[in-house]
Protein backbone atom coordinates (compact mmCIF):
# COMPACT_ATOMS: atom_id res chain seq x y z
CA ALA A 1 1.34 17.77 -11.66
CA GLU A 2 -1.61 19.93 -9.78
CA GLN A 3 -4.90 19.96 -12.44
CA GLU A 4 -4.29 16.28 -13.08
CA ILE A 5 -4.06 14.88 -9.05
CA LYS A 6 -7.44 17.14 -8.55
CA ASN A 7 -9.01 16.19 -11.95
CA ASN A 8 -8.40 12.24 -10.71
CA LEU A 9 -9.75 12.88 -7.40
CA ALA A 10 -12.50 14.80 -8.36
CA LYS A 11 -13.45 11.63 -10.98
CA LEU A 12 -13.15 9.38 -8.06
CA ASN A 13 -15.24 11.64 -5.92
CA LYS A 14 -17.59 11.59 -8.48
CA ILE A 15 -17.84 7.71 -9.36
CA LEU A 16 -16.94 6.55 -5.90
CA GLY A 17 -19.05 9.20 -3.61
CA GLU A 18 -17.07 11.78 -1.67
CA GLY A 19 -14.41 11.29 0.68
CA LYS A 20 -10.89 11.22 1.96
CA ARG A 21 -8.58 9.28 -1.09
CA LEU A 22 -5.14 8.25 -0.98
CA LEU A 23 -2.57 8.62 -3.89
CA ARG A 24 -0.27 6.27 -5.01
CA PRO A 25 1.86 8.54 -7.53
CA PRO A 26 2.78 6.12 -10.68
CA TYR A 27 5.75 4.58 -10.00
CA GLY A 28 6.19 6.08 -6.72
CA ASN A 29 7.66 8.96 -8.19
CA TYR A 30 6.78 12.61 -6.70
CA ASN A 31 8.53 15.22 -6.25
CA ASP A 32 8.20 18.54 -3.65
CA THR A 33 6.01 19.92 -6.22
CA VAL A 34 3.49 17.24 -6.39
CA LYS A 35 4.21 17.28 -2.45
CA ALA A 36 3.19 20.66 -2.16
CA VAL A 37 0.25 20.18 -4.43
CA CYS A 38 -1.41 17.30 -3.70
CA ASP A 39 -4.73 16.91 -1.53
CA ALA A 40 -3.90 13.51 -0.14
CA PRO A 41 -1.56 11.72 1.36
CA ILE A 42 0.65 10.11 -0.33
CA ILE A 43 1.30 6.34 -0.41
CA THR A 44 4.43 4.52 -1.67
CA TRP A 45 5.49 1.08 -0.31
CA SER A 46 7.93 -1.09 1.61
CA ILE A 47 8.41 -3.86 -0.64
CA ASP A 48 8.06 -3.77 -4.15
CA THR A 49 7.60 -7.32 -5.32
CA LEU A 50 8.28 -6.68 -8.95
CA ASP A 51 5.27 -8.51 -9.97
CA TRP A 52 4.92 -6.20 -12.68
CA LYS A 53 8.59 -7.76 -13.88
CA THR A 54 8.67 -11.06 -13.03
CA LYS A 55 4.61 -12.12 -13.78
CA ASN A 56 5.79 -15.29 -11.80
CA ALA A 57 2.92 -15.71 -8.84
CA GLN A 58 6.15 -17.84 -7.14
CA SER A 59 8.59 -15.18 -7.52
CA VAL A 60 5.97 -12.54 -5.89
CA PHE A 61 5.53 -14.77 -3.13
CA ALA A 62 9.51 -15.68 -1.94
CA GLU A 63 9.76 -11.72 -2.37
CA VAL A 64 7.10 -11.33 0.40
CA LYS A 65 8.60 -14.09 2.58
CA ARG A 66 12.07 -12.38 2.09
CA SER A 67 10.90 -8.60 2.80
CA ALA A 68 7.86 -8.82 4.83
CA LYS A 69 7.97 -7.23 8.02
CA ASP A 70 5.40 -5.09 10.84
CA GLY A 71 3.92 -2.26 9.26
CA TYR A 72 5.05 -2.70 5.49
CA ILE A 73 3.08 -1.64 2.40
CA ILE A 74 3.21 -4.49 -0.10
CA LEU A 75 2.96 -3.12 -3.87
CA MET A 76 1.40 -5.62 -5.87
CA HIS A 77 -0.74 -5.23 -9.54
CA SER A 78 -4.53 -6.11 -9.51
CA LEU A 79 -3.86 -6.44 -13.43
CA TYR A 80 -1.64 -9.17 -13.62
CA LYS A 81 -3.16 -12.75 -13.49
CA SER A 82 0.01 -13.56 -11.91
CA SER A 83 -0.19 -11.22 -8.65
CA VAL A 84 -3.25 -12.57 -8.33
CA GLU A 85 -2.41 -15.94 -8.01
CA ALA A 86 0.15 -15.03 -6.07
CA LEU A 87 -1.92 -14.00 -3.18
CA GLU A 88 -3.67 -17.42 -2.81
CA TYR A 89 0.36 -18.15 -0.84
CA VAL A 90 0.91 -14.64 0.14
CA ILE A 91 -2.02 -14.30 2.40
CA PRO A 92 -2.17 -17.39 4.29
CA TRP A 93 1.58 -16.97 4.90
CA LEU A 94 1.12 -13.69 6.31
CA ILE A 95 -1.75 -14.84 8.39
CA GLU A 96 0.67 -18.16 9.45
CA GLN A 97 3.08 -15.42 10.07
CA GLY A 98 0.76 -13.75 12.93
CA TYR A 99 0.11 -10.56 10.15
CA GLN A 100 -3.22 -9.40 10.18
CA VAL A 101 -3.67 -8.98 5.79
CA CYS A 102 -5.35 -4.85 5.88
CA SER A 103 -5.58 -2.07 3.69
CA VAL A 104 -3.60 1.11 4.08
CA SER A 105 -5.84 3.14 6.27
CA GLU A 106 -6.86 0.41 8.45
CA MET A 107 -3.24 0.02 8.88
CA PHE A 108 -2.55 3.80 9.91
CA ASN A 109 -5.63 4.04 11.77
CA ALA A 110 -4.83 1.26 13.83
CA ARG A 111 -1.95 2.97 15.03
CA GLY A 112 -3.45 6.42 15.51
CA ILE A 113 -1.95 7.77 12.66
CA THR A 114 -3.54 10.98 10.90
CA LEU A 115 -2.16 10.64 7.28
CA GLU A 116 -1.79 14.45 6.19
CA ASP A 117 -2.37 15.76 2.44
CA GLY A 118 1.15 16.13 0.97
CA THR A 119 3.03 13.68 3.12
CA VAL A 120 4.69 10.25 1.85
CA TYR A 121 4.03 7.41 3.70
CA SER A 122 5.81 3.84 2.91
CA LEU A 123 5.42 1.87 5.91
CA VAL A 124 3.95 2.24 9.72
CA ARG A 125 6.26 2.16 12.14
CA ASN A 126 5.94 -0.25 15.47
CA ALA A 127 2.05 -1.56 13.99
CA GLY A 128 1.87 -3.97 16.71
CA ARG A 129 -1.41 -3.74 17.06
CA TYR A 130 -1.67 -5.87 13.69
CA ILE A 131 0.47 -8.51 15.00
CA SER A 132 -0.90 -11.11 17.02
CA GLU A 133 -0.06 -12.85 19.78
CA LYS A 134 2.03 -15.37 17.98
CA ASN A 135 4.46 -12.76 17.77
CA LYS A 136 4.63 -11.14 20.73
């Protein structure tokens, strides 16, 4: 696990330039060994839209509507056309609800949370800074 993580991070740094990276483990699977050897924060999710299973934009949208909460991380895969289509519904709906759509790094930075290597994060508690006045 350690060498695989290090090799992938090295490849990303070569392509994208040096910088801090986040790790989303395949299938969200990790164990104590992965946490111990990982030179990056481990990001999982709060909402699995099951886009990989349904391949249906409306199902993905329904799951987001049912499950979205302040500080939640939503898992979607860009390789499915239906997931990309779902964003046409998901993003406007989230904004209408008062959420600000952002990256994982932006959300943690907004709360003043420093992500630590080998630590697993699936949401940001009390992410009030990313909620508009509409929901306060």
